[in-house]
Amino acid sequence: METLVVYGRSPCISNKLFSGVASNGSSSYAQTLCLGTQHLSAFNPSSLRCFSPPLYRVKFRHSSNKPHIFLPHLVASMETVEETYIMIKPDGVRRGLVGEVISRFEKKGFLLKGLKLFQCPKELAEEHYKDLKSKPFFPKLIDYITSGPVVCMVWEGVGVVASARKIIGFTNPLQAKPGTIRGDLAVQTGRNVVHGSDSPENGQREIALWFKEGEECQWTPTIGPWLRE
């Protein structure tokens, strides 16, 4: 059967896609068709002849001769390796979700650089959440973070900060999507299982708060070539 190619949004097609000898012996079977608002059902099928024309390559011309860069390649070239601070909060530890949380970052392909179980003192909790000091819930938040041990982690990878935020989900578990840690495992904002840095800069600040010099491990995983080009 004949093939129609629509260029852009134009409803009118006036391109001869192919030319050859049809089964009825005519020298050219290419037709010029113009489709306005008329529905295809208006055409009489008996007036169309079916044959198998050779394949032709249709070339699309760009308005500019400048080279076009494939966007994903451009973005990939701009990506850099980052570190982020991830903390499993007291409720996540008490509920036995430590392994579940760690496995999600491992399966994603990020590199674990630091890991420890830690009882957070009040002074450290206040420094960590100092941007929320003016909020009415601040005292309750500090009591919550210091109520039991937390698991402190450093994860490394390309785009790890943004990706970790997606893995964790929205602050309010009721708004977090299924498949995220909070969407799957948490119910209320005050018990949302895990914390993650919201920027590369905050990631470095928080890592320096929770980890002493020399506590991070420097190592290279063997699966690296299978994670990135």
C-alpha atoms as a PDB file:
ATOM      1  CA  MET A   1       0.000   0.000   0.000  1.00  0.00           C
ATOM      2  CA  GLU A   2       1.060   3.633  -0.446  1.00  0.00           C
ATOM      3  CA  THR A   3       2.575   5.500   2.472  1.00  0.00           C
ATOM      4  CA  LEU A   4       1.814   9.058   3.564  1.00  0.00           C
ATOM      5  CA  VAL A   5       4.350  11.149   5.431  1.00  0.00           C
ATOM      6  CA  VAL A   6       3.169  14.282   7.234  1.00  0.00           C
ATOM      7  CA  TYR A   7       5.737  17.034   7.627  1.00  0.00           C
ATOM      8  CA  GLY A   8       5.263  19.267  10.674  1.00  0.00           C
ATOM      9  CA  ARG A   9       1.682  20.289  11.273  1.00  0.00           C
ATOM     10  CA  SER A  10       0.675  20.937   7.710  1.00  0.00           C
ATOM     11  CA  PRO A  11      -2.548  19.112   6.776  1.00  0.00           C
ATOM     12  CA  CYS A  12      -1.601  19.207   3.111  1.00  0.00           C
ATOM     13  CA  ILE A  13       0.835  16.714   1.631  1.00  0.00           C
ATOM     14  CA  SER A  14       2.242  17.422  -1.789  1.00  0.00           C
ATOM     15  CA  ASN A  15       5.312  15.184  -1.900  1.00  0.00           C
ATOM     16  CA  LYS A  16       5.965  12.399  -4.372  1.00  0.00           C
ATOM     17  CA  LEU A  17       7.296   9.709  -2.135  1.00  0.00           C
ATOM     18  CA  PHE A  18       8.162   7.174  -4.761  1.00  0.00           C
ATOM     19  CA  SER A  19       7.927   6.525  -8.440  1.00  0.00           C
ATOM     20  CA  GLY A  20       7.980   3.253 -10.304  1.00  0.00           C
ATOM     21  CA  VAL A  21       6.062   0.984 -12.619  1.00  0.00           C
ATOM     22  CA  ALA A  22       2.739  -0.118 -11.186  1.00  0.00           C
ATOM     23  CA  SER A  23       1.012  -3.404 -11.819  1.00  0.00           C
ATOM     24  CA  ASN A  24      -1.205  -1.786 -14.444  1.00  0.00           C
ATOM     25  CA  GLY A  25       1.806  -0.863 -16.590  1.00  0.00           C
ATOM     26  CA  SER A  26       1.700   2.904 -16.038  1.00  0.00           C
ATOM     27  CA  SER A  27       5.085   4.649 -15.903  1.00  0.00           C
ATOM     28  CA  SER A  28       4.388   6.442 -12.592  1.00  0.00           C
ATOM     29  CA  TYR A  29       2.213   5.519  -9.674  1.00  0.00           C
ATOM     30  CA  ALA A  30       3.149   8.448  -7.384  1.00  0.00           C
ATOM     31  CA  GLN A  31       0.197  10.543  -6.409  1.00  0.00           C
ATOM     32  CA  THR A  32      -0.167  14.008  -4.942  1.00  0.00           C
ATOM     33  CA  LEU A  33      -2.630  13.945  -2.067  1.00  0.00           C
ATOM     34  CA  CYS A  34      -3.988  16.865  -0.139  1.00  0.00           C
ATOM     35  CA  LEU A  35      -5.757  16.041   3.126  1.00  0.00           C
ATOM     36  CA  GLY A  36      -7.703  18.886   4.677  1.00  0.00           C
ATOM     37  CA  THR A  37     -10.222  18.203   7.354  1.00  0.00           C
ATOM     38  CA  GLN A  38     -11.677  15.323   5.371  1.00  0.00           C
ATOM     39  CA  HIS A  39     -11.634  12.020   7.263  1.00  0.00           C
ATOM     40  CA  LEU A  40      -9.849   9.060   5.696  1.00  0.00           C
ATOM     41  CA  SER A  41     -13.139   7.148   5.651  1.00  0.00           C
ATOM     42  CA  ALA A  42     -14.290   9.469   2.882  1.00  0.00           C
ATOM     43  CA  PHE A  43     -11.923   7.805   0.430  1.00  0.00           C
ATOM     44  CA  ASN A  44     -13.282   4.989  -1.692  1.00  0.00           C
ATOM     45  CA  PRO A  45     -11.098   1.914  -1.027  1.00  0.00           C
ATOM     46  CA  SER A  46     -11.907   0.532  -4.470  1.00  0.00           C
ATOM     47  CA  SER A  47     -10.159   3.503  -6.085  1.00  0.00           C
ATOM     48  CA  LEU A  48      -6.863   2.644  -4.408  1.00  0.00           C
ATOM     49  CA  ARG A  49      -4.569   0.075  -5.945  1.00  0.00           C
ATOM     50  CA  CYS A  50      -2.247  -1.940  -3.755  1.00  0.00           C
ATOM     51  CA  PHE A  51       1.266  -2.824  -4.752  1.00  0.00           C
ATOM     52  CA  SER A  52       4.636  -3.215  -3.081  1.00  0.00           C
ATOM     53  CA  PRO A  53       6.891  -0.295  -4.018  1.00  0.00           C
ATOM     54  CA  PRO A  54      10.627  -0.314  -3.271  1.00  0.00           C
ATOM     55  CA  LEU A  55      11.751   1.300  -0.019  1.00  0.00           C
ATOM     56  CA  TYR A  56      12.904   4.896  -0.232  1.00  0.00           C
ATOM     57  CA  ARG A  57      14.736   6.918   2.366  1.00  0.00           C
ATOM     58  CA  VAL A  58      13.025  10.165   3.264  1.00  0.00           C
ATOM     59  CA  LYS A  59      15.468  12.930   4.160  1.00  0.00           C
ATOM     60  CA  PHE A  60      14.398  15.683   6.553  1.00  0.00           C
ATOM     61  CA  ARG A  61      16.088  18.997   5.993  1.00  0.00           C
ATOM     62  CA  HIS A  62      16.918  21.260   8.885  1.00  0.00           C
ATOM     63  CA  SER A  63      16.651  25.000   8.589  1.00  0.00           C
ATOM     64  CA  SER A  64      20.210  25.361   9.819  1.00  0.00           C
ATOM     65  CA  ASN A  65      23.443  23.720   8.759  1.00  0.00           C
ATOM     66  CA  LYS A  66      24.818  23.866  12.312  1.00  0.00           C
ATOM     67  CA  PRO A  67      25.584  20.475  13.914  1.00  0.00           C
ATOM     68  CA  HIS A  68      22.929  19.210  16.313  1.00  0.00           C
ATOM     69  CA  ILE A  69      24.107  17.779  19.649  1.00  0.00           C
ATOM     70  CA  PHE A  70      22.062  14.926  21.088  1.00  0.00           C
ATOM     71  CA  LEU A  71      20.745  16.333  24.376  1.00  0.00           C
ATOM     72  CA  PRO A  72      21.357  13.269  26.626  1.00  0.00           C
ATOM     73  CA  HIS A  73      24.993  13.211  25.515  1.00  0.00           C
ATOM     74  CA  LEU A  74      25.296  16.898  26.298  1.00  0.00           C
ATOM     75  CA  VAL A  75      23.810  16.426  29.764  1.00  0.00           C
ATOM     76  CA  ALA A  76      25.981  13.379  30.432  1.00  0.00           C
ATOM     77  CA  SER A  77      29.120  15.322  29.593  1.00  0.00           C
ATOM     78  CA  MET A  78      28.209  17.902  32.230  1.00  0.00           C
ATOM     79  CA  GLU A  79      27.569  15.400  35.027  1.00  0.00           C
ATOM     80  CA  THR A  80      30.116  15.145  37.831  1.00  0.00           C
ATOM     81  CA  VAL A  81      30.719  12.736  40.672  1.00  0.00           C
ATOM     82  CA  GLU A  82      29.186  13.993  43.929  1.00  0.00           C
ATOM     83  CA  GLU A  83      28.793  12.903  47.526  1.00  0.00           C
ATOM     84  CA  THR A  84      25.640  13.098  49.612  1.00  0.00           C
ATOM     85  CA  TYR A  85      24.817  12.515  53.253  1.00  0.00           C
ATOM     86  CA  ILE A  86      22.052   9.998  53.950  1.00  0.00           C
ATOM     87  CA  MET A  87      20.821   9.326  57.465  1.00  0.00           C
ATOM     88  CA  ILE A  88      18.411   6.654  58.609  1.00  0.00           C
ATOM     89  CA  LYS A  89      16.477   8.299  61.412  1.00  0.00           C
ATOM     90  CA  PRO A  90      15.653   6.728  64.801  1.00  0.00           C
ATOM     91  CA  ASP A  91      12.286   5.416  63.615  1.00  0.00           C
ATOM     92  CA  GLY A  92      13.915   3.677  60.640  1.00  0.00           C
ATOM     93  CA  VAL A  93      16.521   2.064  62.905  1.00  0.00           C
ATOM     94  CA  ARG A  94      13.970   0.920  65.486  1.00  0.00           C
ATOM     95  CA  ARG A  95      11.726  -0.538  62.782  1.00  0.00           C
ATOM     96  CA  GLY A  96      14.563  -2.612  61.337  1.00  0.00           C
ATOM     97  CA  LEU A  97      14.653  -0.804  57.989  1.00  0.00           C
ATOM     98  CA  VAL A  98      18.401  -0.228  57.818  1.00  0.00           C
ATOM     99  CA  GLY A  99      19.061  -3.038  55.341  1.00  0.00           C
ATOM    100  CA  GLU A 100      16.079  -2.040  53.207  1.00  0.00           C
ATOM    101  CA  VAL A 101      17.275   1.556  52.876  1.00  0.00           C
ATOM    102  CA  ILE A 102      20.887   0.614  52.155  1.00  0.00           C
ATOM    103  CA  SER A 103      19.851  -1.922  49.499  1.00  0.00           C
ATOM    104  CA  ARG A 104      17.974   0.710  47.499  1.00  0.00           C
ATOM    105  CA  PHE A 105      21.088   2.839  47.104  1.00  0.00           C
ATOM    106  CA  GLU A 106      23.254  -0.214  46.393  1.00  0.00           C
ATOM    107  CA  LYS A 107      20.877  -1.448  43.699  1.00  0.00           C
ATOM    108  CA  LYS A 108      20.927   1.988  42.098  1.00  0.00           C
ATOM    109  CA  GLY A 109      24.677   1.646  41.735  1.00  0.00           C
ATOM    110  CA  PHE A 110      25.971   4.273  44.160  1.00  0.00           C
ATOM    111  CA  LEU A 111      29.212   3.803  46.087  1.00  0.00           C
ATOM    112  CA  LEU A 112      29.057   3.573  49.888  1.00  0.00           C
ATOM    113  CA  LYS A 113      31.940   5.640  51.292  1.00  0.00           C
ATOM    114  CA  GLY A 114      31.004   5.859  54.973  1.00  0.00           C
ATOM    115  CA  LEU A 115      28.710   3.985  57.375  1.00  0.00           C
ATOM    116  CA  LYS A 116      28.233   4.060  61.151  1.00  0.00           C
ATOM    117  CA  LEU A 117      25.633   3.645  63.868  1.00  0.00           C
ATOM    118  CA  PHE A 118      25.671   6.790  65.969  1.00  0.00           C
ATOM    119  CA  GLN A 119      23.871   8.330  68.945  1.00  0.00           C
ATOM    120  CA  CYS A 120      23.386  11.960  68.002  1.00  0.00           C
ATOM    121  CA  PRO A 121      24.048  14.575  70.730  1.00  0.00           C
ATOM    122  CA  LYS A 122      21.715  17.549  71.001  1.00  0.00           C
ATOM    123  CA  GLU A 123      24.342  20.078  69.894  1.00  0.00           C
ATOM    124  CA  LEU A 124      25.015  18.226  66.645  1.00  0.00           C
ATOM    125  CA  ALA A 125      21.305  17.864  65.915  1.00  0.00           C
ATOM    126  CA  GLU A 126      20.782  21.601  66.405  1.00  0.00           C
ATOM    127  CA  GLU A 127      23.681  22.426  64.091  1.00  0.00           C
ATOM    128  CA  HIS A 128      22.440  20.014  61.444  1.00  0.00           C
ATOM    129  CA  TYR A 129      18.938  21.517  61.442  1.00  0.00           C
ATOM    130  CA  LYS A 130      19.967  25.135  62.133  1.00  0.00           C
ATOM    131  CA  ASP A 131      18.038  26.387  59.075  1.00  0.00           C
ATOM    132  CA  LEU A 132      14.827  25.248  60.807  1.00  0.00           C
ATOM    133  CA  LYS A 133      15.590  26.874  64.142  1.00  0.00           C
ATOM    134  CA  SER A 134      12.848  29.472  63.756  1.00  0.00           C
ATOM    135  CA  LYS A 135      10.180  26.858  63.065  1.00  0.00           C
ATOM    136  CA  PRO A 136       7.733  26.008  65.867  1.00  0.00           C
ATOM    137  CA  PHE A 137       8.415  22.279  65.439  1.00  0.00           C
ATOM    138  CA  PHE A 138      12.196  22.674  65.938  1.00  0.00           C
ATOM    139  CA  PRO A 139      12.348  21.486  69.596  1.00  0.00           C
ATOM    140  CA  LYS A 140      10.247  18.447  68.768  1.00  0.00           C
ATOM    141  CA  LEU A 141      12.475  17.669  65.785  1.00  0.00           C
ATOM    142  CA  ILE A 142      15.606  17.762  67.948  1.00  0.00           C
ATOM    143  CA  ASP A 143      14.018  15.471  70.521  1.00  0.00           C
ATOM    144  CA  TYR A 144      13.107  13.061  67.752  1.00  0.00           C
ATOM    145  CA  ILE A 145      16.574  12.895  66.172  1.00  0.00           C
ATOM    146  CA  THR A 146      18.264  12.395  69.546  1.00  0.00           C
ATOM    147  CA  SER A 147      15.728   9.824  70.799  1.00  0.00           C
ATOM    148  CA  GLY A 148      17.740   6.851  69.533  1.00  0.00           C
ATOM    149  CA  PRO A 149      20.647   5.817  67.311  1.00  0.00           C
ATOM    150  CA  VAL A 150      20.819   6.891  63.690  1.00  0.00           C
ATOM    151  CA  VAL A 151      22.703   5.340  60.783  1.00  0.00           C
ATOM    152  CA  CYS A 152      25.013   7.846  59.083  1.00  0.00           C
ATOM    153  CA  MET A 153      26.059   7.204  55.484  1.00  0.00           C
ATOM    154  CA  VAL A 154      28.085   8.820  52.725  1.00  0.00           C
ATOM    155  CA  TRP A 155      27.144   7.829  49.178  1.00  0.00           C
ATOM    156  CA  GLU A 156      29.035   8.780  46.033  1.00  0.00           C
ATOM    157  CA  GLY A 157      28.000   8.794  42.394  1.00  0.00           C
ATOM    158  CA  VAL A 158      27.134  10.830  39.327  1.00  0.00           C
ATOM    159  CA  GLY A 159      24.139  13.011  40.180  1.00  0.00           C
ATOM    160  CA  VAL A 160      23.810  11.206  43.518  1.00  0.00           C
ATOM    161  CA  VAL A 161      22.234  14.184  45.333  1.00  0.00           C
ATOM    162  CA  ALA A 162      19.297  14.593  42.955  1.00  0.00           C
ATOM    163  CA  SER A 163      18.910  10.859  42.465  1.00  0.00           C
ATOM    164  CA  ALA A 164      18.919  10.180  46.220  1.00  0.00           C
ATOM    165  CA  ARG A 165      16.142  12.738  46.698  1.00  0.00           C
ATOM    166  CA  LYS A 166      14.041  10.826  44.177  1.00  0.00           C
ATOM    167  CA  ILE A 167      14.774   7.517  45.871  1.00  0.00           C
ATOM    168  CA  ILE A 168      13.783   8.978  49.260  1.00  0.00           C
ATOM    169  CA  GLY A 169      10.603  10.749  48.095  1.00  0.00           C
ATOM    170  CA  PHE A 170       8.743  13.838  49.301  1.00  0.00           C
ATOM    171  CA  THR A 171       9.068  14.968  52.916  1.00  0.00           C
ATOM    172  CA  ASN A 172       5.405  14.184  53.531  1.00  0.00           C
ATOM    173  CA  PRO A 173       4.999  10.418  53.001  1.00  0.00           C
ATOM    174  CA  LEU A 174       1.378  10.946  51.961  1.00  0.00           C
ATOM    175  CA  GLN A 175       2.684  12.867  48.935  1.00  0.00           C
ATOM    176  CA  ALA A 176       5.589  10.522  48.215  1.00  0.00           C
ATOM    177  CA  LYS A 177       5.152   8.225  45.230  1.00  0.00           C
ATOM    178  CA  PRO A 178       5.023   4.446  45.517  1.00  0.00           C
ATOM    179  CA  GLY A 179       8.470   3.011  44.965  1.00  0.00           C
ATOM    180  CA  THR A 180      10.186   5.680  47.050  1.00  0.00           C
ATOM    181  CA  ILE A 181      11.426   4.951  50.569  1.00  0.00           C
ATOM    182  CA  ARG A 182       8.948   7.309  52.206  1.00  0.00           C
ATOM    183  CA  GLY A 183       6.146   6.363  49.848  1.00  0.00           C
ATOM    184  CA  ASP A 184       6.577   2.684  50.691  1.00  0.00           C
ATOM    185  CA  LEU A 185       7.690   2.717  54.318  1.00  0.00           C
ATOM    186  CA  ALA A 186       6.496   5.883  56.080  1.00  0.00           C
ATOM    187  CA  VAL A 187       3.142   7.347  57.108  1.00  0.00           C
ATOM    188  CA  GLN A 188       3.744  10.763  58.715  1.00  0.00           C
ATOM    189  CA  THR A 189       6.204  13.613  58.168  1.00  0.00           C
ATOM    190  CA  GLY A 190       7.378  13.332  61.766  1.00  0.00           C
ATOM    191  CA  ARG A 191       8.377   9.717  61.159  1.00  0.00           C
ATOM    192  CA  ASN A 192       9.652   9.703  57.612  1.00  0.00           C
ATOM    193  CA  VAL A 193      12.501   7.204  58.109  1.00  0.00           C
ATOM    194  CA  VAL A 194      15.389   8.864  56.284  1.00  0.00           C
ATOM    195  CA  HIS A 195      17.169  12.152  55.594  1.00  0.00           C
ATOM    196  CA  GLY A 196      19.049  13.148  52.430  1.00  0.00           C
ATOM    197  CA  SER A 197      21.079  16.228  51.514  1.00  0.00           C
ATOM    198  CA  ASP A 198      19.200  18.669  49.279  1.00  0.00           C
ATOM    199  CA  SER A 199      22.247  19.999  47.377  1.00  0.00           C
ATOM    200  CA  PRO A 200      25.888  19.078  46.733  1.00  0.00           C
ATOM    201  CA  GLU A 201      26.962  21.968  48.957  1.00  0.00           C
ATOM    202  CA  ASN A 202      24.782  20.814  51.847  1.00  0.00           C
ATOM    203  CA  GLY A 203      26.026  17.292  51.241  1.00  0.00           C
ATOM    204  CA  GLN A 204      29.595  18.370  51.922  1.00  0.00           C
ATOM    205  CA  ARG A 205      28.546  20.413  54.958  1.00  0.00           C
ATOM    206  CA  GLU A 206      26.582  17.554  56.486  1.00  0.00           C
ATOM    207  CA  ILE A 207      29.282  14.968  55.787  1.00  0.00           C
ATOM    208  CA  ALA A 208      31.775  17.184  57.614  1.00  0.00           C
ATOM    209  CA  LEU A 209      29.366  17.425  60.570  1.00  0.00           C
ATOM    210  CA  TRP A 210      28.672  13.718  60.962  1.00  0.00           C
ATOM    211  CA  PHE A 211      31.977  12.170  59.881  1.00  0.00           C
ATOM    212  CA  LYS A 212      35.422  12.876  61.252  1.00  0.00           C
ATOM    213  CA  GLU A 213      38.458  13.093  59.018  1.00  0.00           C
ATOM    214  CA  GLY A 214      39.585   9.636  57.956  1.00  0.00           C
ATOM    215  CA  GLU A 215      36.246   7.915  58.584  1.00  0.00           C
ATOM    216  CA  GLU A 216      35.398   7.763  54.887  1.00  0.00           C
ATOM    217  CA  CYS A 217      36.762   4.818  52.919  1.00  0.00           C
ATOM    218  CA  GLN A 218      38.353   5.388  49.525  1.00  0.00           C
ATOM    219  CA  TRP A 219      37.831   2.402  47.261  1.00  0.00           C
ATOM    220  CA  THR A 220      36.895   1.540  43.692  1.00  0.00           C
ATOM    221  CA  PRO A 221      34.097  -0.952  42.953  1.00  0.00           C
ATOM    222  CA  THR A 222      34.673  -3.510  40.227  1.00  0.00           C
ATOM    223  CA  ILE A 223      31.246  -2.831  38.667  1.00  0.00           C
ATOM    224  CA  GLY A 224      32.162   0.773  37.804  1.00  0.00           C
ATOM    225  CA  PRO A 225      32.495   0.206  34.030  1.00  0.00           C
ATOM    226  CA  TRP A 226      29.000  -1.338  33.976  1.00  0.00           C
ATOM    227  CA  LEU A 227      27.421   1.709  35.626  1.00  0.00           C
ATOM    228  CA  ARG A 228      28.826   4.524  33.523  1.00  0.00           C
ATOM    229  CA  GLU A 229      30.229   4.905  30.031  1.00  0.00           C
END
